């Protein structure tokens, strides 16, 4: 059934003639007014299902018809679409029904959200607003086809409203109907919520919002944060069948994103004249300062910075999609009660477009965005825009910045300082293929260039078409899942390298989350905060076993990879060569080749050579071609036709476990070893060792990769893994020795599978509770006291014992919940690896990379459960946000007040990488000074007196007061420039003035930057970076905008430099040396502090070269000889422990990690 069948117009449309007459009028309208548009419609709008009708054209054609459409849209739109189906449209089949989308409705129907009232129900209205939230696209039933279950007769019922409509009774008299979903008409449906633009609001006024329903080709046209024009029909929504109060929504007829800023703040000609007079005033900057928070005494530099932030720099956009922001970010760090919050609130009042939020109450969507269940009743997910998105194009004043939610802080990091993996990090795909993440992402972005979304220092490719092994933390299970997107981000100067007890290392950005077991559960910890000795979440096995690989071929590759090569000889023959000095291996290989001779034409010869043993030479075009085709990624050529194995091929990694076991059995035959202490494999390279480890992971066998001279050794570890290996190699005479190792390991409780101690403690406490209640002395508890640690079997046995006796408890729900949680970890596909080493490394590549997995945000590689970037895209919804917002933030010191002897940056609970994004940072301190205190006190008293006089005058309680006296009292707290005029002044400057740097300004900024860098060179510090150079340019541009000048002059540059220097004096100056050091912001430590850390670390390294560990008191004494104070030594010890460079094996004793 096609949409549009069985529709009938009502017989008596209001305001004009019969149905036929109305249709005829619309038909004439399209033939006359849209003749050209319809003649080439499919050329200009391929695949279109609707046409946009300009209401002004309809009004010009027949104003009565147009008016009737506004008041009776359902009837007249139906007539309009029917008429359109009768008009010939080039490229469309006759009778094709296009939807009509209206644009340019009359101004009196374009309403503010707050003005959409009951009088417009069922009529066409328009409104403008910001998209606040958006749902996923869902199918909606438009025309339902019902079939009688008794006689089979079908009925087509048009579905309108929110309730499903069905036939009442069939002609056969029955009432039992079945919905024929496949034969019904469905359309795409999406719900959005828009709110009034925030520049319409004053003070703390609450923004109004309204839901908008989108259908068909209107879905997915907008995203959160977009400013949109909506035209539609105001409809009612019954919220409760028993209540008389209804909800309302707009059924959209059209929706379009718009690029309008400050439209309602467009000044009148008279106001423009006043603005230009202000701009020419030589004291304009002083007047601006006095117009910002006049009730707060002092802080002139901060107020000047806020003034320049309000005017903003110039955003630059370049070909290729890159851009440089024009927004100026300012951070105020201050003691409590110093006026920070009042300055933020005042700035938010002045800004033409702003939003004020506090760190803990940023909104339901936080600062950036959130994904939540659809609260409006349709199911699925909805994505909500946060404060920064809603204030796009304006200012977000964020108070208590240090308290912002973790997810918001992570999202800010994502936009500012990405959390990703280095270029050469190998990621495991779901089919067993291993690829370097950088090569993978770069290649995908090159192939799909037209789909790449470019953001700030970020490039994102949605739906890259790859599958990875994700991880569901709820049930501790790996899952095969399609990657949601891949991305690359401008790289930081340093990455963190973490080495784990399986021998694998990962290198990630310092902010990247690592999954660790802490405080009784799995938590995310920034890479920079990971310490040696931490337990990282890993897997027991990979769920990769899909490929159908001939087990004989897999076994053949197990021989060939460690002991063979392939080449074409001088006669052009395809040769496979295998060499071994072991007779048993030679006998097994010979038997395998003879068995394979049944499927391939094989010619085999044998030759003994000194140093290589017995060499098998196999000539077989079929086998050679099969191997090089199926396992092409295993071999690396030398350019002379010779290819030697380098990697385990993807087909083996992805093969079913039976084939993998054949491969491992043969590989062990050639390169396996067993001694009194360990069993494993010797390999030629780290890459081959990691590949072999991954094959073993698929079989549930755990191992450790270590370097052994110029080779590597894969040591199988733990009783259970050794038992599995012994079973796989059971035809090898060494299998009994491996089994012996397994038995020894089991007796010693050596499972190489650490169980978190708090889990063991929790289980022991449950056992003790049951013992106490029952009076039973159990030996089961002894299994938790083994020197080697409890095993999974021990924990499971104890949990079983407890569960059998739960009937003894009056209320066992709490214990059952605890048992279920512990079983999830113990019996799930989870284990833990110890962090052995954490080290910062220099990084020289342009990009870092990420693969995002929704909704788990976790994937499996290197035996570990790894985290992808924290993102604002949640619940399978991928979207980008317009958040071109300047941030004015205020934060408090973490210990209440600033310590004057410590650098302020170190006293703030904010990451250095987040701090580095602010153009200006100011300290607002509580200073004890008699003169200053007296001025502040007098200012506060006069402010209160002015308010008191005004109230007394207005209430008539003091007849002696005059208006002049009140005005005089208010002078010192009244802004120099009226707030409404100032808002229009700022809006006018931002939309009409785009200044350019003059040569004099460039020279001034250049000299300042270069000279400052040279000073740093002498002292060995980095006093400023290119990021601060860009900040100077933005400030100078804003200064020019204040004067409405299209040129940035030397005076503007000087103003920018003066503010930057004031900020640097407070933030970047090393308290010990007196020089500027930008590393204080980027790393949280000054160069002098880092030098002391190096000295302390070298002292420990020198001492422990001869001794096992170093007493703390000896370290303190030795450090004093280098001029390092005792308290500094203790601070450095804590820092080195946090960095994972040292640890305390027992109190008062230090040892190097790794």
Foldseek 3Di string as FASTA:
>chain_A
DDPPPPDDADQDQPQDDGLVVLLVLLLVLCVPVVVPCQACVCVVPPPAQADEDELVSVCVSPVSLSVSCQQQVVRNQSSNQQSVLCDDGPPDDRSRGGHYFYDDDDPVQEDAPVPPDPVQANGKHKYKFFWFKKFDKDKDFAWWWKAAPPPGDIDIDGDDADDDDDDCADPVGHRHIDTPVVPTDIKIKMKIKGWHQQLVDAQPDDIDIAMEIEIHPQPPQDDGLFMKMFIFHKHWACPDPVDPDTGIHGHTSDMDGDDDDCPVLADDPVLVVVLLVLLPDPCNLVLQLCQQQLLAPDPSLVSSVLLLQLLWADKAADPPGAIDFGHFFEEEEEFPPLCQVVRLSRSQNQRSFEEEEEQVPQDPQFAAKAKDFPPVPPTGIMIGGTRLSSRFVIAYEYEANLNHDPLVQLALCCQFPNKFFAQQDWAAFQLQDIDRQNVVQVVLCVVPVVQWDDDHQKIKHAQSPTWFFFAFQVLGATDIAGFGIKMKGFHDQKWKWFAWQQGDITTIHQQFWFFWDDDHGTDTDGLQQDFFFTWGKFFLARQFADFADDLLVLLLVLQDQAFWKWFQDPVRFTKIKGFDQDPVLVVVNVVSVVVCCVVFVWDWDWDQDPPGGIMIIITTPVVSVVCCVQFVVQWDDPPPGMTHGDAGGSSLLRHHLSSLLSSLLNNCVGAWDFDLAWTWGKAQDPRRLLRNQNSLRNVSWGWHWDDDPRIITTTTFALVNLVSNLVSNVVDPCSVVSNVNSVVRVVLVGGVFDDDPVLLVVLLVLLVVLCVLVVDDDPLNVQQVRPNGHALVSSVVSLVVSVVRCVSDPDCPVVVVSSVVSCSASVHRITIIGTFFMDMDGDDDRIGMFTAGPPRQWGHDSSGIGGTRSHSQHSSRDDDGSSSHHYYYYHYFPVNFDDPLDFRLLRRSRALSSVVLRLFYHYSYDDDDVVVVVVSVVSVVLVVVLVVLVVCVVVVVDVVDDPVNSCVSCVSSHRSDDSSSSNSSSVCLNVPENADEDPLLVVLLVVVQVVLCVVCVVVVAGQDDVSNSVSLSSQQSSVCSSSSHNYRHNVSSVSSVVSSVNRQQRHQQDSVPRGGHSCCSVPVDGPVLVVLLVVLLVVQVVVCVVPVWAFLVVSQVVSVVVVAHSVSSVVSVVSCSSSNQWDDPDPRIIHGGD
